[in-house]
Amino acid sequence: MLINVPETVVADGLRGMAAAHPDLVVDAEKRLVVRRDAPVAGKVGLVSGGGSGHEPLHAGFVGPGMLSAACPGEVFTSPVPDQMVQAAAAVDSGAGVLFIVKNYTGDVLNFDMAAELAEDEGVRVARVLVDDDVAVSDSTFTAGRRGTGATLFVEKIAGALADEGAPLERVEAVARRVNESSRSFGVALSSVTTPAKGTPTFDLPPGELELGIGIHGEPGRERRAMMTSREIADFSVDAVLEDLRPAGPVLVLVNGLGSTPLLELYGFNAEVQRVLSERGVTVARTLVGNYVTSLDMAGCSVTVCQADEELVRLWDAPVQTPALRWGR
């Protein structure tokens, strides 16, 4: 592992982010990443966060057109309410703050507590829960579906709307609509290795894969002998479409989990596009890359979001963050 010691891996990463991105205010000790121009007058603040190890989610999505602030926790561990309250205070212009929360028990509890504390301090807070993973209904970390790739769609689209000056109620409603219109499915080709453990966290023998894996290494639906990219695309996209049943054009995220080369991800995207075309689904936009990762896990996930003209317009709107930037 390319680290000093496990105990400082998150702080070290944040210090490196600060050095690379002077347009962000990064506090490595308090674990906060904030837009340097925050709070922006009249603008709803967007705050998200979660355990580290999923980079660029969430700190890599802080900037114009997306998040106002992010709260990184320790690896695969929820941030604490104090981080979230400080982030809300840092980005609140008086227009309110939207918390975007992936559906993991620790994140949900801590963001709920933070919302109450922030409101006690005079900050108006709304919350959107992301629960897009169709693989399992409950898991080690959740009650209900896990929050995965749709988090990127929610943060980007809600961020664009907030930058247009929409009120908190409107930003919250659109963020909820994006989540309700999105489904994801992930596949692991290898285990994940956390800095603290230093060895794989679960046993996945050579020549096998896990269908429906979680981004912390939680079990999926089943294990099978290794499949081709074509076979994985058939299984993953069908699992998504069986649940979503889109009636119009869609946004697609073909996401790497940390160790899968872009060459393989683009090849997998070709198969995903084939399946969608065969199923009569029109694709409006596609994003390919490592965006919602699981440290060094090899594998991929597919997220599909049914999108109308407004959602496509907001997706196309300018964004400038460390990990996502276009149109500016």
C-alpha atoms as a PDB file:
ATOM      1  CA  MET A   1       0.000   0.000   0.000  1.00  0.00           C
ATOM      2  CA  LEU A   2       1.173   3.513  -0.831  1.00  0.00           C
ATOM      3  CA  ILE A   3       0.646   4.919   2.685  1.00  0.00           C
ATOM      4  CA  ASN A   4       2.615   5.989   5.743  1.00  0.00           C
ATOM      5  CA  VAL A   5       0.579   4.394   8.541  1.00  0.00           C
ATOM      6  CA  PRO A   6      -3.098   3.385   8.549  1.00  0.00           C
ATOM      7  CA  GLU A   7      -3.915   5.869  11.304  1.00  0.00           C
ATOM      8  CA  THR A   8      -3.089   8.910   9.131  1.00  0.00           C
ATOM      9  CA  VAL A   9      -4.235   7.743   5.698  1.00  0.00           C
ATOM     10  CA  VAL A  10      -7.327   9.997   5.575  1.00  0.00           C
ATOM     11  CA  ALA A  11      -5.550  13.097   6.884  1.00  0.00           C
ATOM     12  CA  ASP A  12      -2.623  12.499   4.520  1.00  0.00           C
ATOM     13  CA  GLY A  13      -4.998  12.223   1.577  1.00  0.00           C
ATOM     14  CA  LEU A  14      -6.772  15.437   2.532  1.00  0.00           C
ATOM     15  CA  ARG A  15      -3.482  17.308   2.825  1.00  0.00           C
ATOM     16  CA  GLY A  16      -2.614  16.144  -0.657  1.00  0.00           C
ATOM     17  CA  MET A  17      -6.001  17.273  -1.939  1.00  0.00           C
ATOM     18  CA  ALA A  18      -5.463  20.709  -0.410  1.00  0.00           C
ATOM     19  CA  ALA A  19      -2.106  21.033  -2.169  1.00  0.00           C
ATOM     20  CA  ALA A  20      -3.570  19.998  -5.531  1.00  0.00           C
ATOM     21  CA  HIS A  21      -6.777  22.065  -5.365  1.00  0.00           C
ATOM     22  CA  PRO A  22      -6.326  25.574  -3.932  1.00  0.00           C
ATOM     23  CA  ASP A  23      -9.908  26.412  -4.954  1.00  0.00           C
ATOM     24  CA  LEU A  24     -11.021  24.255  -2.003  1.00  0.00           C
ATOM     25  CA  VAL A  25     -10.721  24.891   1.711  1.00  0.00           C
ATOM     26  CA  VAL A  26      -9.537  21.600   3.196  1.00  0.00           C
ATOM     27  CA  ASP A  27      -9.244  21.013   6.935  1.00  0.00           C
ATOM     28  CA  ALA A  28      -7.405  17.702   7.324  1.00  0.00           C
ATOM     29  CA  GLU A  29      -7.825  17.614  11.096  1.00  0.00           C
ATOM     30  CA  LYS A  30     -11.544  18.452  11.235  1.00  0.00           C
ATOM     31  CA  ARG A  31     -12.162  16.386   8.084  1.00  0.00           C
ATOM     32  CA  LEU A  32     -13.915  19.075   6.043  1.00  0.00           C
ATOM     33  CA  VAL A  33     -13.724  20.020   2.369  1.00  0.00           C
ATOM     34  CA  VAL A  34     -15.537  23.256   1.422  1.00  0.00           C
ATOM     35  CA  ARG A  35     -15.838  25.439  -1.674  1.00  0.00           C
ATOM     36  CA  ARG A  36     -13.534  28.421  -1.185  1.00  0.00           C
ATOM     37  CA  ASP A  37     -16.306  30.847  -2.221  1.00  0.00           C
ATOM     38  CA  ALA A  38     -18.838  29.425   0.281  1.00  0.00           C
ATOM     39  CA  PRO A  39     -21.326  30.549   1.365  1.00  0.00           C
ATOM     40  CA  VAL A  40     -22.652  31.844  -1.955  1.00  0.00           C
ATOM     41  CA  ALA A  41     -25.334  34.505  -1.473  1.00  0.00           C
ATOM     42  CA  GLY A  42     -28.856  33.249  -2.134  1.00  0.00           C
ATOM     43  CA  LYS A  43     -27.689  29.718  -2.945  1.00  0.00           C
ATOM     44  CA  VAL A  44     -28.791  26.494  -1.253  1.00  0.00           C
ATOM     45  CA  GLY A  45     -25.795  24.703   0.219  1.00  0.00           C
ATOM     46  CA  LEU A  46     -25.269  21.031  -0.637  1.00  0.00           C
ATOM     47  CA  VAL A  47     -23.458  18.854   1.901  1.00  0.00           C
ATOM     48  CA  SER A  48     -22.655  15.178   1.559  1.00  0.00           C
ATOM     49  CA  GLY A  49     -20.179  12.765   3.046  1.00  0.00           C
ATOM     50  CA  GLY A  50     -19.433   9.250   4.116  1.00  0.00           C
ATOM     51  CA  GLY A  51     -16.591   6.930   4.851  1.00  0.00           C
ATOM     52  CA  SER A  52     -13.340   7.485   2.997  1.00  0.00           C
ATOM     53  CA  GLY A  53     -12.206   4.847   0.525  1.00  0.00           C
ATOM     54  CA  HIS A  54     -14.785   5.655  -2.162  1.00  0.00           C
ATOM     55  CA  GLU A  55     -12.828   8.473  -3.822  1.00  0.00           C
ATOM     56  CA  PRO A  56     -13.520  10.692  -5.628  1.00  0.00           C
ATOM     57  CA  LEU A  57     -16.863  10.400  -3.777  1.00  0.00           C
ATOM     58  CA  HIS A  58     -17.495  12.791  -1.969  1.00  0.00           C
ATOM     59  CA  ALA A  59     -14.686  15.315  -1.556  1.00  0.00           C
ATOM     60  CA  GLY A  60     -13.788  15.108  -5.237  1.00  0.00           C
ATOM     61  CA  PHE A  61     -17.233  16.464  -6.117  1.00  0.00           C
ATOM     62  CA  VAL A  62     -16.966  19.730  -4.171  1.00  0.00           C
ATOM     63  CA  GLY A  63     -17.052  22.839  -6.329  1.00  0.00           C
ATOM     64  CA  PRO A  64     -19.241  24.998  -8.569  1.00  0.00           C
ATOM     65  CA  GLY A  65     -22.116  23.026 -10.048  1.00  0.00           C
ATOM     66  CA  MET A  66     -22.006  20.263  -7.479  1.00  0.00           C
ATOM     67  CA  LEU A  67     -21.397  20.013  -3.703  1.00  0.00           C
ATOM     68  CA  SER A  68     -20.741  22.971  -1.420  1.00  0.00           C
ATOM     69  CA  ALA A  69     -18.976  20.800   1.154  1.00  0.00           C
ATOM     70  CA  ALA A  70     -18.086  17.200   1.964  1.00  0.00           C
ATOM     71  CA  CYS A  71     -17.401  15.421   5.261  1.00  0.00           C
ATOM     72  CA  PRO A  72     -14.976  12.484   4.900  1.00  0.00           C
ATOM     73  CA  GLY A  73     -15.099   9.882   7.652  1.00  0.00           C
ATOM     74  CA  GLU A  74     -12.448   7.324   8.430  1.00  0.00           C
ATOM     75  CA  VAL A  75     -12.156   4.490   5.908  1.00  0.00           C
ATOM     76  CA  PHE A  76     -15.594   2.887   5.447  1.00  0.00           C
ATOM     77  CA  THR A  77     -16.812   4.727   8.584  1.00  0.00           C
ATOM     78  CA  SER A  78     -19.447   7.447   8.782  1.00  0.00           C
ATOM     79  CA  PRO A  79     -18.355  10.999   9.523  1.00  0.00           C
ATOM     80  CA  VAL A  80     -19.535  12.347  12.868  1.00  0.00           C
ATOM     81  CA  PRO A  81     -22.342  14.893  13.388  1.00  0.00           C
ATOM     82  CA  ASP A  82     -19.910  17.661  14.390  1.00  0.00           C
ATOM     83  CA  GLN A  83     -18.348  17.520  10.920  1.00  0.00           C
ATOM     84  CA  MET A  84     -21.740  17.838   9.270  1.00  0.00           C
ATOM     85  CA  VAL A  85     -22.851  20.708  11.485  1.00  0.00           C
ATOM     86  CA  GLN A  86     -19.635  22.613  10.771  1.00  0.00           C
ATOM     87  CA  ALA A  87     -20.049  21.965   7.047  1.00  0.00           C
ATOM     88  CA  ALA A  88     -23.644  23.210   7.119  1.00  0.00           C
ATOM     89  CA  ALA A  89     -22.623  26.378   8.962  1.00  0.00           C
ATOM     90  CA  ALA A  90     -19.796  26.991   6.482  1.00  0.00           C
ATOM     91  CA  VAL A  91     -22.028  26.855   3.397  1.00  0.00           C
ATOM     92  CA  ASP A  92     -25.341  28.287   4.638  1.00  0.00           C
ATOM     93  CA  SER A  93     -26.159  31.644   3.050  1.00  0.00           C
ATOM     94  CA  GLY A  94     -29.602  31.772   4.640  1.00  0.00           C
ATOM     95  CA  ALA A  95     -31.196  29.808   1.777  1.00  0.00           C
ATOM     96  CA  GLY A  96     -30.881  26.501   3.626  1.00  0.00           C
ATOM     97  CA  VAL A  97     -28.779  23.363   3.290  1.00  0.00           C
ATOM     98  CA  LEU A  98     -29.528  20.012   1.663  1.00  0.00           C
ATOM     99  CA  PHE A  99     -27.907  16.907   3.163  1.00  0.00           C
ATOM    100  CA  ILE A 100     -27.365  14.148   0.574  1.00  0.00           C
ATOM    101  CA  VAL A 101     -27.019  10.860   2.466  1.00  0.00           C
ATOM    102  CA  LYS A 102     -26.218   7.371   1.192  1.00  0.00           C
ATOM    103  CA  ASN A 103     -28.375   4.732   2.872  1.00  0.00           C
ATOM    104  CA  TYR A 104     -25.962   3.226   5.385  1.00  0.00           C
ATOM    105  CA  THR A 105     -27.027   2.997   9.009  1.00  0.00           C
ATOM    106  CA  GLY A 106     -24.197   5.075  10.480  1.00  0.00           C
ATOM    107  CA  ASP A 107     -24.514   7.807   7.859  1.00  0.00           C
ATOM    108  CA  VAL A 108     -28.290   8.028   8.303  1.00  0.00           C
ATOM    109  CA  LEU A 109     -28.135   8.263  12.097  1.00  0.00           C
ATOM    110  CA  ASN A 110     -25.332  10.830  12.122  1.00  0.00           C
ATOM    111  CA  PHE A 111     -26.826  13.044   9.413  1.00  0.00           C
ATOM    112  CA  ASP A 112     -30.200  12.965  11.214  1.00  0.00           C
ATOM    113  CA  MET A 113     -28.527  14.070  14.429  1.00  0.00           C
ATOM    114  CA  ALA A 114     -26.552  16.741  12.572  1.00  0.00           C
ATOM    115  CA  ALA A 115     -29.735  18.102  10.972  1.00  0.00           C
ATOM    116  CA  GLU A 116     -31.303  18.557  14.400  1.00  0.00           C
ATOM    117  CA  LEU A 117     -28.184  20.275  15.768  1.00  0.00           C
ATOM    118  CA  ALA A 118     -27.872  22.550  12.733  1.00  0.00           C
ATOM    119  CA  GLU A 119     -31.522  23.570  12.967  1.00  0.00           C
ATOM    120  CA  ASP A 120     -30.983  24.396  16.633  1.00  0.00           C
ATOM    121  CA  GLU A 121     -28.314  26.830  15.416  1.00  0.00           C
ATOM    122  CA  GLY A 122     -30.699  28.443  12.934  1.00  0.00           C
ATOM    123  CA  VAL A 123     -29.766  26.570   9.757  1.00  0.00           C
ATOM    124  CA  ARG A 124     -32.709  25.268   7.730  1.00  0.00           C
ATOM    125  CA  VAL A 125     -31.917  21.692   6.662  1.00  0.00           C
ATOM    126  CA  ALA A 126     -33.525  19.222   4.259  1.00  0.00           C
ATOM    127  CA  ARG A 127     -32.323  15.677   3.648  1.00  0.00           C
ATOM    128  CA  VAL A 128     -32.374  13.274   0.703  1.00  0.00           C
ATOM    129  CA  LEU A 129     -31.571   9.589   1.162  1.00  0.00           C
ATOM    130  CA  VAL A 130     -29.943   7.743  -1.749  1.00  0.00           C
ATOM    131  CA  ASP A 131     -30.929   4.054  -1.955  1.00  0.00           C
ATOM    132  CA  ASP A 132     -30.467   2.935  -5.545  1.00  0.00           C
ATOM    133  CA  ASP A 133     -28.793  -0.500  -5.296  1.00  0.00           C
ATOM    134  CA  VAL A 134     -31.125  -3.238  -6.576  1.00  0.00           C
ATOM    135  CA  ALA A 135     -28.809  -6.120  -5.657  1.00  0.00           C
ATOM    136  CA  VAL A 136     -30.154  -6.796  -2.144  1.00  0.00           C
ATOM    137  CA  SER A 137     -32.959  -5.401  -0.012  1.00  0.00           C
ATOM    138  CA  ASP A 138     -30.926  -5.343   3.233  1.00  0.00           C
ATOM    139  CA  SER A 139     -27.221  -5.758   3.924  1.00  0.00           C
ATOM    140  CA  THR A 140     -24.546  -5.715   6.608  1.00  0.00           C
ATOM    141  CA  PHE A 141     -24.520  -1.927   6.653  1.00  0.00           C
ATOM    142  CA  THR A 142     -28.115  -1.004   5.840  1.00  0.00           C
ATOM    143  CA  ALA A 143     -31.797  -1.325   6.473  1.00  0.00           C
ATOM    144  CA  GLY A 144     -33.182  -1.197   2.956  1.00  0.00           C
ATOM    145  CA  ARG A 145     -31.277  -0.669  -0.249  1.00  0.00           C
ATOM    146  CA  ARG A 146     -27.717   0.618  -0.275  1.00  0.00           C
ATOM    147  CA  GLY A 147     -26.760   4.002  -1.676  1.00  0.00           C
ATOM    148  CA  THR A 148     -24.217   3.735  -4.497  1.00  0.00           C
ATOM    149  CA  GLY A 149     -23.732   5.208  -7.979  1.00  0.00           C
ATOM    150  CA  ALA A 150     -26.904   7.295  -8.056  1.00  0.00           C
ATOM    151  CA  THR A 151     -25.256   9.524  -5.453  1.00  0.00           C
ATOM    152  CA  LEU A 152     -23.243  11.068  -8.277  1.00  0.00           C
ATOM    153  CA  PHE A 153     -26.394  11.819 -10.294  1.00  0.00           C
ATOM    154  CA  VAL A 154     -28.109  13.343  -7.256  1.00  0.00           C
ATOM    155  CA  GLU A 155     -25.129  15.520  -6.344  1.00  0.00           C
ATOM    156  CA  LYS A 156     -24.550  16.733  -9.907  1.00  0.00           C
ATOM    157  CA  ILE A 157     -28.159  17.485 -10.817  1.00  0.00           C
ATOM    158  CA  ALA A 158     -29.120  19.005  -7.455  1.00  0.00           C
ATOM    159  CA  GLY A 159     -25.880  20.989  -7.497  1.00  0.00           C
ATOM    160  CA  ALA A 160     -26.679  22.489 -10.885  1.00  0.00           C
ATOM    161  CA  LEU A 161     -30.173  23.440  -9.759  1.00  0.00           C
ATOM    162  CA  ALA A 162     -28.850  25.027  -6.559  1.00  0.00           C
ATOM    163  CA  ASP A 163     -26.371  27.063  -8.610  1.00  0.00           C
ATOM    164  CA  GLU A 164     -29.318  28.431 -10.598  1.00  0.00           C
ATOM    165  CA  GLY A 165     -30.722  29.850  -7.357  1.00  0.00           C
ATOM    166  CA  ALA A 166     -33.626  27.428  -6.893  1.00  0.00           C
ATOM    167  CA  PRO A 167     -35.136  27.372  -3.375  1.00  0.00           C
ATOM    168  CA  LEU A 168     -34.417  24.552  -0.936  1.00  0.00           C
ATOM    169  CA  GLU A 169     -37.790  22.855  -1.430  1.00  0.00           C
ATOM    170  CA  ARG A 170     -37.241  22.695  -5.184  1.00  0.00           C
ATOM    171  CA  VAL A 171     -33.669  21.386  -4.909  1.00  0.00           C
ATOM    172  CA  GLU A 172     -34.812  18.739  -2.437  1.00  0.00           C
ATOM    173  CA  ALA A 173     -37.708  17.646  -4.670  1.00  0.00           C
ATOM    174  CA  VAL A 174     -35.507  17.256  -7.754  1.00  0.00           C
ATOM    175  CA  ALA A 175     -32.844  15.389  -5.766  1.00  0.00           C
ATOM    176  CA  ARG A 176     -35.511  12.964  -4.543  1.00  0.00           C
ATOM    177  CA  ARG A 177     -36.794  12.510  -8.087  1.00  0.00           C
ATOM    178  CA  VAL A 178     -33.301  11.659  -9.327  1.00  0.00           C
ATOM    179  CA  ASN A 179     -32.877   9.044  -6.615  1.00  0.00           C
ATOM    180  CA  GLU A 180     -36.313   7.546  -7.268  1.00  0.00           C
ATOM    181  CA  SER A 181     -35.491   7.387 -10.990  1.00  0.00           C
ATOM    182  CA  SER A 182     -32.124   5.635 -10.521  1.00  0.00           C
ATOM    183  CA  ARG A 183     -31.027   2.031 -10.013  1.00  0.00           C
ATOM    184  CA  SER A 184     -27.564   0.443  -9.687  1.00  0.00           C
ATOM    185  CA  PHE A 185     -25.921  -2.984  -9.693  1.00  0.00           C
ATOM    186  CA  GLY A 186     -22.281  -3.834  -8.903  1.00  0.00           C
ATOM    187  CA  VAL A 187     -19.970  -6.777  -9.568  1.00  0.00           C
ATOM    188  CA  ALA A 188     -16.707  -7.603  -7.764  1.00  0.00           C
ATOM    189  CA  LEU A 189     -13.822  -9.380  -9.486  1.00  0.00           C
ATOM    190  CA  SER A 190     -11.632  -9.206  -6.368  1.00  0.00           C
ATOM    191  CA  SER A 191     -11.879  -8.377  -2.684  1.00  0.00           C
ATOM    192  CA  VAL A 192     -11.075  -5.007  -1.110  1.00  0.00           C
ATOM    193  CA  THR A 193      -8.100  -4.372   1.186  1.00  0.00           C
ATOM    194  CA  THR A 194      -8.484  -1.738   3.905  1.00  0.00           C
ATOM    195  CA  PRO A 195      -5.400   0.076   5.254  1.00  0.00           C
ATOM    196  CA  ALA A 196      -6.081  -1.082   8.820  1.00  0.00           C
ATOM    197  CA  LYS A 197      -6.344  -4.772   7.886  1.00  0.00           C
ATOM    198  CA  GLY A 198      -3.740  -4.881   5.124  1.00  0.00           C
ATOM    199  CA  THR A 199      -5.180  -8.071   3.651  1.00  0.00           C
ATOM    200  CA  PRO A 200      -8.364  -8.809   1.647  1.00  0.00           C
ATOM    201  CA  THR A 201     -11.504  -8.339   3.742  1.00  0.00           C
ATOM    202  CA  PHE A 202     -13.320 -11.318   2.227  1.00  0.00           C
ATOM    203  CA  ASP A 203     -12.373 -14.443   0.336  1.00  0.00           C
ATOM    204  CA  LEU A 204     -13.091 -14.433  -3.383  1.00  0.00           C
ATOM    205  CA  PRO A 205     -11.211 -17.333  -4.934  1.00  0.00           C
ATOM    206  CA  PRO A 206      -9.486 -16.921  -8.322  1.00  0.00           C
ATOM    207  CA  GLY A 207     -11.861 -17.561 -11.166  1.00  0.00           C
ATOM    208  CA  GLU A 208     -14.961 -16.408  -9.255  1.00  0.00           C
ATOM    209  CA  LEU A 209     -16.909 -13.138  -9.026  1.00  0.00           C
ATOM    210  CA  GLU A 210     -19.574 -11.684  -6.734  1.00  0.00           C
ATOM    211  CA  LEU A 211     -22.765 -10.432  -8.344  1.00  0.00           C
ATOM    212  CA  GLY A 212     -24.377  -7.527  -6.491  1.00  0.00           C
ATOM    213  CA  ILE A 213     -21.395  -6.581  -4.315  1.00  0.00           C
ATOM    214  CA  GLY A 214     -21.608  -3.577  -1.975  1.00  0.00           C
ATOM    215  CA  ILE A 215     -19.075  -0.758  -1.978  1.00  0.00           C
ATOM    216  CA  HIS A 216     -17.755  -1.861   1.428  1.00  0.00           C
ATOM    217  CA  GLY A 217     -17.402  -5.457   0.310  1.00  0.00           C
ATOM    218  CA  GLU A 218     -20.849  -6.508   1.555  1.00  0.00           C
ATOM    219  CA  PRO A 219     -22.097  -9.741  -0.018  1.00  0.00           C
ATOM    220  CA  GLY A 220     -24.265  -9.568  -3.105  1.00  0.00           C
ATOM    221  CA  ARG A 221     -26.808 -11.940  -4.603  1.00  0.00           C
ATOM    222  CA  GLU A 222     -24.556 -14.841  -5.519  1.00  0.00           C
ATOM    223  CA  ARG A 223     -21.117 -16.010  -6.542  1.00  0.00           C
ATOM    224  CA  ARG A 224     -20.410 -17.513  -9.917  1.00  0.00           C
ATOM    225  CA  ALA A 225     -17.516 -18.697 -12.019  1.00  0.00           C
ATOM    226  CA  MET A 226     -15.865 -15.831 -13.881  1.00  0.00           C
ATOM    227  CA  MET A 227     -18.060 -14.400 -16.641  1.00  0.00           C
ATOM    228  CA  THR A 228     -17.220 -12.419 -19.752  1.00  0.00           C
ATOM    229  CA  SER A 229     -17.823  -8.690 -19.987  1.00  0.00           C
ATOM    230  CA  ARG A 230     -20.776  -9.432 -22.248  1.00  0.00           C
ATOM    231  CA  GLU A 231     -22.320 -11.836 -19.723  1.00  0.00           C
ATOM    232  CA  ILE A 232     -21.783  -9.430 -16.811  1.00  0.00           C
ATOM    233  CA  ALA A 233     -23.447  -6.621 -18.774  1.00  0.00           C
ATOM    234  CA  ASP A 234     -26.445  -8.825 -19.595  1.00  0.00           C
ATOM    235  CA  PHE A 235     -26.901  -9.788 -15.938  1.00  0.00           C
ATOM    236  CA  SER A 236     -26.274  -6.319 -14.443  1.00  0.00           C
ATOM    237  CA  VAL A 237     -28.355  -4.268 -16.860  1.00  0.00           C
ATOM    238  CA  ASP A 238     -31.252  -6.727 -16.743  1.00  0.00           C
ATOM    239  CA  ALA A 239     -31.218  -6.534 -12.926  1.00  0.00           C
ATOM    240  CA  VAL A 240     -31.455  -2.739 -13.166  1.00  0.00           C
ATOM    241  CA  LEU A 241     -34.115  -2.660 -15.881  1.00  0.00           C
ATOM    242  CA  GLU A 242     -36.256  -5.292 -14.178  1.00  0.00           C
ATOM    243  CA  ASP A 243     -36.620  -2.887 -11.257  1.00  0.00           C
ATOM    244  CA  LEU A 244     -36.535   0.518 -12.974  1.00  0.00           C
ATOM    245  CA  ARG A 245     -38.463  -0.130 -16.213  1.00  0.00           C
ATOM    246  CA  PRO A 246     -37.549   3.233 -17.801  1.00  0.00           C
ATOM    247  CA  ALA A 247     -40.076   4.763 -20.168  1.00  0.00           C
ATOM    248  CA  GLY A 248     -37.821   7.418 -21.661  1.00  0.00           C
ATOM    249  CA  PRO A 249     -34.176   8.351 -22.233  1.00  0.00           C
ATOM    250  CA  VAL A 250     -31.659   7.556 -19.504  1.00  0.00           C
ATOM    251  CA  LEU A 251     -28.392   8.724 -18.024  1.00  0.00           C
ATOM    252  CA  VAL A 252     -25.843   5.923 -17.621  1.00  0.00           C
ATOM    253  CA  LEU A 253     -22.879   5.635 -15.267  1.00  0.00           C
ATOM    254  CA  VAL A 254     -20.423   2.821 -15.941  1.00  0.00           C
ATOM    255  CA  ASN A 255     -18.324   2.955 -12.801  1.00  0.00           C
ATOM    256  CA  GLY A 256     -15.079   1.292 -11.769  1.00  0.00           C
ATOM    257  CA  LEU A 257     -14.649   0.099  -8.193  1.00  0.00           C
ATOM    258  CA  GLY A 258     -10.989   1.103  -7.918  1.00  0.00           C
ATOM    259  CA  SER A 259      -8.717  -1.346  -9.754  1.00  0.00           C
ATOM    260  CA  THR A 260     -10.374  -2.003 -13.100  1.00  0.00           C
ATOM    261  CA  PRO A 261      -8.496  -0.329 -15.999  1.00  0.00           C
ATOM    262  CA  LEU A 262     -10.322   2.225 -18.120  1.00  0.00           C
ATOM    263  CA  LEU A 263      -9.700   0.079 -21.194  1.00  0.00           C
ATOM    264  CA  GLU A 264     -11.798  -2.664 -19.599  1.00  0.00           C
ATOM    265  CA  LEU A 265     -14.442  -0.200 -18.378  1.00  0.00           C
ATOM    266  CA  TYR A 266     -14.900   1.218 -21.868  1.00  0.00           C
ATOM    267  CA  GLY A 267     -15.151  -2.311 -23.239  1.00  0.00           C
ATOM    268  CA  PHE A 268     -17.767  -3.062 -20.585  1.00  0.00           C
ATOM    269  CA  ASN A 269     -19.605   0.139 -21.524  1.00  0.00           C
ATOM    270  CA  ALA A 270     -19.845  -1.125 -25.109  1.00  0.00           C
ATOM    271  CA  GLU A 271     -21.643  -4.192 -23.778  1.00  0.00           C
ATOM    272  CA  VAL A 272     -23.877  -2.106 -21.494  1.00  0.00           C
ATOM    273  CA  GLN A 273     -24.891   0.066 -24.445  1.00  0.00           C
ATOM    274  CA  ARG A 274     -25.613  -3.074 -26.486  1.00  0.00           C
ATOM    275  CA  VAL A 275     -27.940  -4.460 -23.815  1.00  0.00           C
ATOM    276  CA  LEU A 276     -29.763  -1.152 -23.408  1.00  0.00           C
ATOM    277  CA  SER A 277     -30.240  -0.894 -27.169  1.00  0.00           C
ATOM    278  CA  GLU A 278     -31.513  -4.468 -27.370  1.00  0.00           C
ATOM    279  CA  ARG A 279     -33.988  -3.685 -24.581  1.00  0.00           C
ATOM    280  CA  GLY A 280     -35.246  -0.578 -26.416  1.00  0.00           C
ATOM    281  CA  VAL A 281     -33.764   1.942 -23.968  1.00  0.00           C
ATOM    282  CA  THR A 282     -32.536   5.258 -25.384  1.00  0.00           C
ATOM    283  CA  VAL A 283     -29.347   6.625 -23.800  1.00  0.00           C
ATOM    284  CA  ALA A 284     -29.118  10.398 -23.449  1.00  0.00           C
ATOM    285  CA  ARG A 285     -25.712  10.659 -21.726  1.00  0.00           C
ATOM    286  CA  THR A 286     -23.020   8.238 -20.534  1.00  0.00           C
ATOM    287  CA  LEU A 287     -20.202   8.691 -18.027  1.00  0.00           C
ATOM    288  CA  VAL A 288     -17.411   6.097 -17.721  1.00  0.00           C
ATOM    289  CA  GLY A 289     -14.731   6.012 -15.039  1.00  0.00           C
ATOM    290  CA  ASN A 290     -13.847   5.443 -11.397  1.00  0.00           C
ATOM    291  CA  TYR A 291     -16.247   7.639  -9.421  1.00  0.00           C
ATOM    292  CA  VAL A 292     -17.774   5.574  -6.592  1.00  0.00           C
ATOM    293  CA  THR A 293     -14.986   3.200  -5.658  1.00  0.00           C
ATOM    294  CA  SER A 294     -14.071   0.664  -2.995  1.00  0.00           C
ATOM    295  CA  LEU A 295     -10.348   1.249  -2.455  1.00  0.00           C
ATOM    296  CA  ASP A 296      -8.528  -1.404  -4.525  1.00  0.00           C
ATOM    297  CA  MET A 297     -11.478  -3.601  -5.478  1.00  0.00           C
ATOM    298  CA  ALA A 298     -11.537  -4.811  -9.058  1.00  0.00           C
ATOM    299  CA  GLY A 299     -14.996  -4.697 -10.552  1.00  0.00           C
ATOM    300  CA  CYS A 300     -17.650  -2.417 -11.941  1.00  0.00           C
ATOM    301  CA  SER A 301     -21.141  -1.091 -11.415  1.00  0.00           C
ATOM    302  CA  VAL A 302     -23.887   0.202 -13.667  1.00  0.00           C
ATOM    303  CA  THR A 303     -26.265   3.016 -12.729  1.00  0.00           C
ATOM    304  CA  VAL A 304     -29.225   4.005 -14.896  1.00  0.00           C
ATOM    305  CA  CYS A 305     -31.343   7.108 -14.294  1.00  0.00           C
ATOM    306  CA  GLN A 306     -34.542   7.822 -16.206  1.00  0.00           C
ATOM    307  CA  ALA A 307     -34.173  11.451 -17.273  1.00  0.00           C
ATOM    308  CA  ASP A 308     -36.520  14.022 -18.754  1.00  0.00           C
ATOM    309  CA  GLU A 309     -35.403  17.220 -20.516  1.00  0.00           C
ATOM    310  CA  GLU A 310     -34.883  19.069 -17.247  1.00  0.00           C
ATOM    311  CA  LEU A 311     -32.654  16.396 -15.749  1.00  0.00           C
ATOM    312  CA  VAL A 312     -30.567  16.168 -18.927  1.00  0.00           C
ATOM    313  CA  ARG A 313     -30.204  19.963 -18.967  1.00  0.00           C
ATOM    314  CA  LEU A 314     -29.067  19.997 -15.351  1.00  0.00           C
ATOM    315  CA  TRP A 315     -26.672  17.123 -16.013  1.00  0.00           C
ATOM    316  CA  ASP A 316     -25.135  19.093 -18.897  1.00  0.00           C
ATOM    317  CA  ALA A 317     -24.834  22.289 -16.810  1.00  0.00           C
ATOM    318  CA  PRO A 318     -21.294  23.517 -16.065  1.00  0.00           C
ATOM    319  CA  VAL A 319     -19.409  21.843 -13.226  1.00  0.00           C
ATOM    320  CA  GLN A 320     -15.918  22.391 -11.836  1.00  0.00           C
ATOM    321  CA  THR A 321     -14.750  19.929  -9.195  1.00  0.00           C
ATOM    322  CA  PRO A 322     -11.563  17.874  -8.815  1.00  0.00           C
ATOM    323  CA  ALA A 323     -13.209  14.795 -10.326  1.00  0.00           C
ATOM    324  CA  LEU A 324     -15.917  16.148 -12.631  1.00  0.00           C
ATOM    325  CA  ARG A 325     -15.614  19.235 -14.798  1.00  0.00           C
ATOM    326  CA  TRP A 326     -17.128  20.433 -18.041  1.00  0.00           C
ATOM    327  CA  GLY A 327     -18.780  23.486 -19.576  1.00  0.00           C
ATOM    328  CA  ARG A 328     -16.908  26.192 -17.631  1.00  0.00           C
END
